[in-house]
Amino acid sequence: MNLADNVLATVADAEDTEVKNLEPLGEAIDPEALDALFEPGGPSATRQHGIVVFSYMDYTVMVASNGDVTLE
């Protein structure tokens, strides 16, 4: 599962709904850029560790380079 899908699944679980019922992730962050940020062998392959933080719906979303998604 890519990072964008992982974010959507995590938020859907927190909201107790299906992904199709969520606001488009693209209104908060570019999903393709999020996926490419920590992509192995991608343009940012030298980034081994890091966290991206952004707002989506009523959450502060933290995405770690290992794919973990945390909501606050």
PDB file of N, CA and C in Angstrom:
ATOM      1  N   MET A   1       0.856  -1.178   0.000  1.00  0.00           N
ATOM      2  CA  MET A   1       0.000   0.000   0.000  1.00  0.00           C
ATOM      3  C   MET A   1       0.903   1.243   0.000  1.00  0.00           C
ATOM      4  N   ASN A   2       0.600   2.199  -0.859  1.00  0.00           N
ATOM      5  CA  ASN A   2       1.410   3.421  -0.899  1.00  0.00           C
ATOM      6  C   ASN A   2       1.023   4.342   0.262  1.00  0.00           C
ATOM      7  N   LEU A   3       1.818   5.383   0.474  1.00  0.00           N
ATOM      8  CA  LEU A   3       1.602   6.272   1.612  1.00  0.00           C
ATOM      9  C   LEU A   3       0.247   6.978   1.555  1.00  0.00           C
ATOM     10  N   ALA A   4      -0.135   7.457   0.383  1.00  0.00           N
ATOM     11  CA  ALA A   4      -1.418   8.158   0.251  1.00  0.00           C
ATOM     12  C   ALA A   4      -2.576   7.227   0.614  1.00  0.00           C
ATOM     13  N   ASP A   5      -2.534   5.997   0.133  1.00  0.00           N
ATOM     14  CA  ASP A   5      -3.586   5.034   0.465  1.00  0.00           C
ATOM     15  C   ASP A   5      -3.572   4.702   1.948  1.00  0.00           C
ATOM     16  N   ASN A   6      -2.388   4.649   2.538  1.00  0.00           N
ATOM     17  CA  ASN A   6      -2.261   4.375   3.961  1.00  0.00           C
ATOM     18  C   ASN A   6      -2.882   5.507   4.788  1.00  0.00           C
ATOM     19  N   VAL A   7      -2.668   6.742   4.361  1.00  0.00           N
ATOM     20  CA  VAL A   7      -3.289   7.889   5.035  1.00  0.00           C
ATOM     21  C   VAL A   7      -4.811   7.785   4.956  1.00  0.00           C
ATOM     22  N   LEU A   8      -5.317   7.533   3.775  1.00  0.00           N
ATOM     23  CA  LEU A   8      -6.769   7.433   3.602  1.00  0.00           C
ATOM     24  C   LEU A   8      -7.362   6.305   4.437  1.00  0.00           C
ATOM     25  N   ALA A   9      -6.709   5.158   4.461  1.00  0.00           N
ATOM     26  CA  ALA A   9      -7.203   4.027   5.244  1.00  0.00           C
ATOM     27  C   ALA A   9      -7.194   4.344   6.735  1.00  0.00           C
ATOM     28  N   THR A  10      -6.165   5.028   7.192  1.00  0.00           N
ATOM     29  CA  THR A  10      -6.067   5.375   8.606  1.00  0.00           C
ATOM     30  C   THR A  10      -7.157   6.362   9.009  1.00  0.00           C
ATOM     31  N   VAL A  11      -7.390   7.364   8.176  1.00  0.00           N
ATOM     32  CA  VAL A  11      -8.430   8.351   8.472  1.00  0.00           C
ATOM     33  C   VAL A  11      -9.812   7.708   8.383  1.00  0.00           C
ATOM     34  N   ALA A  12     -10.028   6.879   7.391  1.00  0.00           N
ATOM     35  CA  ALA A  12     -11.318   6.195   7.263  1.00  0.00           C
ATOM     36  C   ALA A  12     -11.600   5.346   8.499  1.00  0.00           C
ATOM     37  N   ASP A  13     -10.574   4.674   8.996  1.00  0.00           N
ATOM     38  CA  ASP A  13     -10.732   3.863  10.204  1.00  0.00           C
ATOM     39  C   ASP A  13     -11.076   4.753  11.401  1.00  0.00           C
ATOM     40  N   ALA A  14     -10.394   5.874  11.538  1.00  0.00           N
ATOM     41  CA  ALA A  14     -10.659   6.798  12.645  1.00  0.00           C
ATOM     42  C   ALA A  14     -12.067   7.388  12.565  1.00  0.00           C
ATOM     43  N   GLU A  15     -12.535   7.600  11.349  1.00  0.00           N
ATOM     44  CA  GLU A  15     -13.867   8.170  11.133  1.00  0.00           C
ATOM     45  C   GLU A  15     -14.961   7.100  11.104  1.00  0.00           C
ATOM     46  N   ASP A  16     -14.557   5.836  11.170  1.00  0.00           N
ATOM     47  CA  ASP A  16     -15.481   4.705  11.087  1.00  0.00           C
ATOM     48  C   ASP A  16     -16.346   4.790   9.827  1.00  0.00           C
ATOM     49  N   THR A  17     -15.644   4.968   8.706  1.00  0.00           N
ATOM     50  CA  THR A  17     -16.322   5.070   7.416  1.00  0.00           C
ATOM     51  C   THR A  17     -15.446   4.430   6.352  1.00  0.00           C
ATOM     52  N   GLU A  18     -15.894   4.475   5.119  1.00  0.00           N
ATOM     53  CA  GLU A  18     -15.121   3.955   4.003  1.00  0.00           C
ATOM     54  C   GLU A  18     -14.328   5.087   3.350  1.00  0.00           C
ATOM     55  N   VAL A  19     -13.236   4.725   2.703  1.00  0.00           N
ATOM     56  CA  VAL A  19     -12.371   5.712   2.046  1.00  0.00           C
ATOM     57  C   VAL A  19     -13.167   6.555   1.060  1.00  0.00           C
ATOM     58  N   LYS A  20     -14.099   5.961   0.351  1.00  0.00           N
ATOM     59  CA  LYS A  20     -14.867   6.695  -0.664  1.00  0.00           C
ATOM     60  C   LYS A  20     -15.698   7.828  -0.072  1.00  0.00           C
ATOM     61  N   ASN A  21     -15.913   7.820   1.250  1.00  0.00           N
ATOM     62  CA  ASN A  21     -16.702   8.856   1.901  1.00  0.00           C
ATOM     63  C   ASN A  21     -15.862  10.024   2.417  1.00  0.00           C
ATOM     64  N   LEU A  22     -14.544   9.941   2.261  1.00  0.00           N
ATOM     65  CA  LEU A  22     -13.649  10.993   2.753  1.00  0.00           C
ATOM     66  C   LEU A  22     -13.505  12.121   1.729  1.00  0.00           C
ATOM     67  N   GLU A  23     -13.065  13.273   2.230  1.00  0.00           N
ATOM     68  CA  GLU A  23     -12.721  14.376   1.334  1.00  0.00           C
ATOM     69  C   GLU A  23     -11.525  13.948   0.489  1.00  0.00           C
ATOM     70  N   PRO A  24     -11.391  14.460  -0.726  1.00  0.00           N
ATOM     71  CA  PRO A  24     -10.225  14.109  -1.544  1.00  0.00           C
ATOM     72  C   PRO A  24      -8.925  14.514  -0.848  1.00  0.00           C
ATOM     73  N   LEU A  25      -7.984  13.583  -0.779  1.00  0.00           N
ATOM     74  CA  LEU A  25      -6.706  13.858  -0.140  1.00  0.00           C
ATOM     75  C   LEU A  25      -5.968  14.980  -0.859  1.00  0.00           C
ATOM     76  N   GLY A  26      -6.179  15.095  -2.153  1.00  0.00           N
ATOM     77  CA  GLY A  26      -5.523  16.118  -2.954  1.00  0.00           C
ATOM     78  C   GLY A  26      -5.856  17.541  -2.543  1.00  0.00           C
ATOM     79  N   GLU A  27      -6.902  17.725  -1.744  1.00  0.00           N
ATOM     80  CA  GLU A  27      -7.223  19.058  -1.244  1.00  0.00           C
ATOM     81  C   GLU A  27      -6.295  19.458  -0.099  1.00  0.00           C
ATOM     82  N   ALA A  28      -5.578  18.466   0.483  1.00  0.00           N
ATOM     83  CA  ALA A  28      -4.681  18.743   1.603  1.00  0.00           C
ATOM     84  C   ALA A  28      -3.214  18.623   1.220  1.00  0.00           C
ATOM     85  N   ILE A  29      -2.909  17.676   0.348  1.00  0.00           N
ATOM     86  CA  ILE A  29      -1.526  17.401  -0.041  1.00  0.00           C
ATOM     87  C   ILE A  29      -1.543  16.692  -1.390  1.00  0.00           C
ATOM     88  N   ASP A  30      -0.482  16.847  -2.158  1.00  0.00           N
ATOM     89  CA  ASP A  30      -0.376  16.156  -3.438  1.00  0.00           C
ATOM     90  C   ASP A  30      -0.060  14.684  -3.157  1.00  0.00           C
ATOM     91  N   PRO A  31      -1.014  13.768  -3.407  1.00  0.00           N
ATOM     92  CA  PRO A  31      -0.792  12.357  -3.098  1.00  0.00           C
ATOM     93  C   PRO A  31       0.419  11.754  -3.818  1.00  0.00           C
ATOM     94  N   GLU A  32       0.650  12.157  -5.055  1.00  0.00           N
ATOM     95  CA  GLU A  32       1.790  11.621  -5.803  1.00  0.00           C
ATOM     96  C   GLU A  32       3.108  12.089  -5.196  1.00  0.00           C
ATOM     97  N   ALA A  33       3.154  13.333  -4.767  1.00  0.00           N
ATOM     98  CA  ALA A  33       4.364  13.851  -4.121  1.00  0.00           C
ATOM     99  C   ALA A  33       4.605  13.149  -2.795  1.00  0.00           C
ATOM    100  N   LEU A  34       3.541  12.896  -2.045  1.00  0.00           N
ATOM    101  CA  LEU A  34       3.666  12.178  -0.781  1.00  0.00           C
ATOM    102  C   LEU A  34       4.238  10.784  -1.016  1.00  0.00           C
ATOM    103  N   ASP A  35       3.698  10.082  -2.009  1.00  0.00           N
ATOM    104  CA  ASP A  35       4.189   8.737  -2.317  1.00  0.00           C
ATOM    105  C   ASP A  35       5.646   8.754  -2.765  1.00  0.00           C
ATOM    106  N   ALA A  36       6.029   9.775  -3.535  1.00  0.00           N
ATOM    107  CA  ALA A  36       7.390   9.845  -4.073  1.00  0.00           C
ATOM    108  C   ALA A  36       8.416  10.280  -3.032  1.00  0.00           C
ATOM    109  N   LEU A  37       7.962  10.932  -1.980  1.00  0.00           N
ATOM    110  CA  LEU A  37       8.882  11.515  -1.009  1.00  0.00           C
ATOM    111  C   LEU A  37       9.847  10.500  -0.415  1.00  0.00           C
ATOM    112  N   PHE A  38       9.344   9.339  -0.016  1.00  0.00           N
ATOM    113  CA  PHE A  38      10.194   8.329   0.611  1.00  0.00           C
ATOM    114  C   PHE A  38      10.308   7.068  -0.242  1.00  0.00           C
ATOM    115  N   GLU A  39      10.009   7.193  -1.520  1.00  0.00           N
ATOM    116  CA  GLU A  39      10.041   6.052  -2.431  1.00  0.00           C
ATOM    117  C   GLU A  39      11.453   5.498  -2.570  1.00  0.00           C
ATOM    118  N   PRO A  40      11.643   4.194  -2.316  1.00  0.00           N
ATOM    119  CA  PRO A  40      12.978   3.615  -2.483  1.00  0.00           C
ATOM    120  C   PRO A  40      13.454   3.757  -3.933  1.00  0.00           C
ATOM    121  N   GLY A  41      14.650   4.251  -4.106  1.00  0.00           N
ATOM    122  CA  GLY A  41      15.205   4.406  -5.442  1.00  0.00           C
ATOM    123  C   GLY A  41      14.677   5.603  -6.202  1.00  0.00           C
ATOM    124  N   GLY A  42      13.793   6.357  -5.584  1.00  0.00           N
ATOM    125  CA  GLY A  42      13.227   7.530  -6.241  1.00  0.00           C
ATOM    126  C   GLY A  42      14.167   8.719  -6.145  1.00  0.00           C
ATOM    127  N   PRO A  43      13.698   9.880  -6.571  1.00  0.00           N
ATOM    128  CA  PRO A  43      14.544  11.073  -6.564  1.00  0.00           C
ATOM    129  C   PRO A  43      15.015  11.468  -5.168  1.00  0.00           C
ATOM    130  N   SER A  44      14.316  11.014  -4.142  1.00  0.00           N
ATOM    131  CA  SER A  44      14.716  11.358  -2.782  1.00  0.00           C
ATOM    132  C   SER A  44      15.267  10.139  -2.046  1.00  0.00           C
ATOM    133  N   ALA A  45      15.909   9.245  -2.768  1.00  0.00           N
ATOM    134  CA  ALA A  45      16.387   7.986  -2.191  1.00  0.00           C
ATOM    135  C   ALA A  45      17.376   8.188  -1.055  1.00  0.00           C
ATOM    136  N   THR A  46      17.991   9.346  -0.975  1.00  0.00           N
ATOM    137  CA  THR A  46      18.934   9.586   0.106  1.00  0.00           C
ATOM    138  C   THR A  46      18.224   9.893   1.421  1.00  0.00           C
ATOM    139  N   ARG A  47      16.927  10.147   1.370  1.00  0.00           N
ATOM    140  CA  ARG A  47      16.155  10.393   2.591  1.00  0.00           C
ATOM    141  C   ARG A  47      15.768   9.057   3.200  1.00  0.00           C
ATOM    142  N   GLN A  48      16.468   8.659   4.223  1.00  0.00           N
ATOM    143  CA  GLN A  48      16.176   7.387   4.855  1.00  0.00           C
ATOM    144  C   GLN A  48      15.193   7.537   6.004  1.00  0.00           C
ATOM    145  N   HIS A  49      15.159   8.721   6.603  1.00  0.00           N
ATOM    146  CA  HIS A  49      14.291   8.960   7.747  1.00  0.00           C
ATOM    147  C   HIS A  49      13.638  10.330   7.598  1.00  0.00           C
ATOM    148  N   GLY A  50      12.460  10.431   8.125  1.00  0.00           N
ATOM    149  CA  GLY A  50      11.796  11.720   8.091  1.00  0.00           C
ATOM    150  C   GLY A  50      10.325  11.586   8.388  1.00  0.00           C
ATOM    151  N   ILE A  51       9.688  12.710   8.578  1.00  0.00           N
ATOM    152  CA  ILE A  51       8.253  12.769   8.858  1.00  0.00           C
ATOM    153  C   ILE A  51       7.666  13.942   8.083  1.00  0.00           C
ATOM    154  N   VAL A  52       6.512  13.725   7.507  1.00  0.00           N
ATOM    155  CA  VAL A  52       5.756  14.777   6.842  1.00  0.00           C
ATOM    156  C   VAL A  52       4.514  15.018   7.700  1.00  0.00           C
ATOM    157  N   VAL A  53       4.231  16.276   7.981  1.00  0.00           N
ATOM    158  CA  VAL A  53       3.068  16.636   8.796  1.00  0.00           C
ATOM    159  C   VAL A  53       2.186  17.579   7.984  1.00  0.00           C
ATOM    160  N   PHE A  54       0.885  17.273   7.951  1.00  0.00           N
ATOM    161  CA  PHE A  54      -0.053  18.136   7.235  1.00  0.00           C
ATOM    162  C   PHE A  54      -1.441  17.975   7.847  1.00  0.00           C
ATOM    163  N   SER A  55      -2.308  18.913   7.548  1.00  0.00           N
ATOM    164  CA  SER A  55      -3.693  18.870   8.021  1.00  0.00           C
ATOM    165  C   SER A  55      -4.571  18.238   6.955  1.00  0.00           C
ATOM    166  N   TYR A  56      -5.452  17.375   7.411  1.00  0.00           N
ATOM    167  CA  TYR A  56      -6.414  16.730   6.514  1.00  0.00           C
ATOM    168  C   TYR A  56      -7.685  16.478   7.308  1.00  0.00           C
ATOM    169  N   MET A  57      -8.771  16.983   6.792  1.00  0.00           N
ATOM    170  CA  MET A  57     -10.051  16.959   7.491  1.00  0.00           C
ATOM    171  C   MET A  57      -9.832  17.610   8.864  1.00  0.00           C
ATOM    172  N   ASP A  58     -10.172  16.957   9.931  1.00  0.00           N
ATOM    173  CA  ASP A  58      -9.987  17.556  11.261  1.00  0.00           C
ATOM    174  C   ASP A  58      -8.756  16.993  11.965  1.00  0.00           C
ATOM    175  N   TYR A  59      -7.829  16.449  11.216  1.00  0.00           N
ATOM    176  CA  TYR A  59      -6.668  15.780  11.794  1.00  0.00           C
ATOM    177  C   TYR A  59      -5.358  16.467  11.418  1.00  0.00           C
ATOM    178  N   THR A  60      -4.391  16.337  12.307  1.00  0.00           N
ATOM    179  CA  THR A  60      -3.004  16.589  11.959  1.00  0.00           C
ATOM    180  C   THR A  60      -2.445  15.213  11.637  1.00  0.00           C
ATOM    181  N   VAL A  61      -2.000  15.040  10.417  1.00  0.00           N
ATOM    182  CA  VAL A  61      -1.521  13.740   9.939  1.00  0.00           C
ATOM    183  C   VAL A  61      -0.005  13.763   9.925  1.00  0.00           C
ATOM    184  N   MET A  62       0.594  12.736  10.516  1.00  0.00           N
ATOM    185  CA  MET A  62       2.046  12.582  10.507  1.00  0.00           C
ATOM    186  C   MET A  62       2.366  11.283   9.788  1.00  0.00           C
ATOM    187  N   VAL A  63       3.136  11.398   8.704  1.00  0.00           N
ATOM    188  CA  VAL A  63       3.527  10.234   7.915  1.00  0.00           C
ATOM    189  C   VAL A  63       5.034  10.068   8.040  1.00  0.00           C
ATOM    190  N   ALA A  64       5.452   8.915   8.529  1.00  0.00           N
ATOM    191  CA  ALA A  64       6.874   8.629   8.701  1.00  0.00           C
ATOM    192  C   ALA A  64       7.422   7.920   7.474  1.00  0.00           C
ATOM    193  N   SER A  65       8.720   8.002   7.292  1.00  0.00           N
ATOM    194  CA  SER A  65       9.369   7.390   6.136  1.00  0.00           C
ATOM    195  C   SER A  65       9.174   5.880   6.090  1.00  0.00           C
ATOM    196  N   ASN A  66       8.891   5.260   7.226  1.00  0.00           N
ATOM    197  CA  ASN A  66       8.658   3.811   7.253  1.00  0.00           C
ATOM    198  C   ASN A  66       7.218   3.453   6.921  1.00  0.00           C
ATOM    199  N   GLY A  67       6.370   4.453   6.642  1.00  0.00           N
ATOM    200  CA  GLY A  67       4.999   4.210   6.249  1.00  0.00           C
ATOM    201  C   GLY A  67       3.989   4.344   7.379  1.00  0.00           C
ATOM    202  N   ASP A  68       4.461   4.521   8.597  1.00  0.00           N
ATOM    203  CA  ASP A  68       3.538   4.690   9.722  1.00  0.00           C
ATOM    204  C   ASP A  68       2.774   6.008   9.590  1.00  0.00           C
ATOM    205  N   VAL A  69       1.481   5.943   9.871  1.00  0.00           N
ATOM    206  CA  VAL A  69       0.628   7.127   9.833  1.00  0.00           C
ATOM    207  C   VAL A  69       0.030   7.313  11.222  1.00  0.00           C
ATOM    208  N   THR A  70       0.176   8.516  11.764  1.00  0.00           N
ATOM    209  CA  THR A  70      -0.367   8.861  13.078  1.00  0.00           C
ATOM    210  C   THR A  70      -1.274  10.063  12.933  1.00  0.00           C
ATOM    211  N   LEU A  71      -2.398  10.018  13.621  1.00  0.00           N
ATOM    212  CA  LEU A  71      -3.359  11.123  13.592  1.00  0.00           C
ATOM    213  C   LEU A  71      -3.443  11.770  14.959  1.00  0.00           C
ATOM    214  N   GLU A  72      -3.555  13.078  14.956  1.00  0.00           N
ATOM    215  CA  GLU A  72      -3.809  13.822  16.199  1.00  0.00           C
ATOM    216  C   GLU A  72      -5.003  14.704  15.986  1.00  0.00           C
TER     217      GLU A  72
END
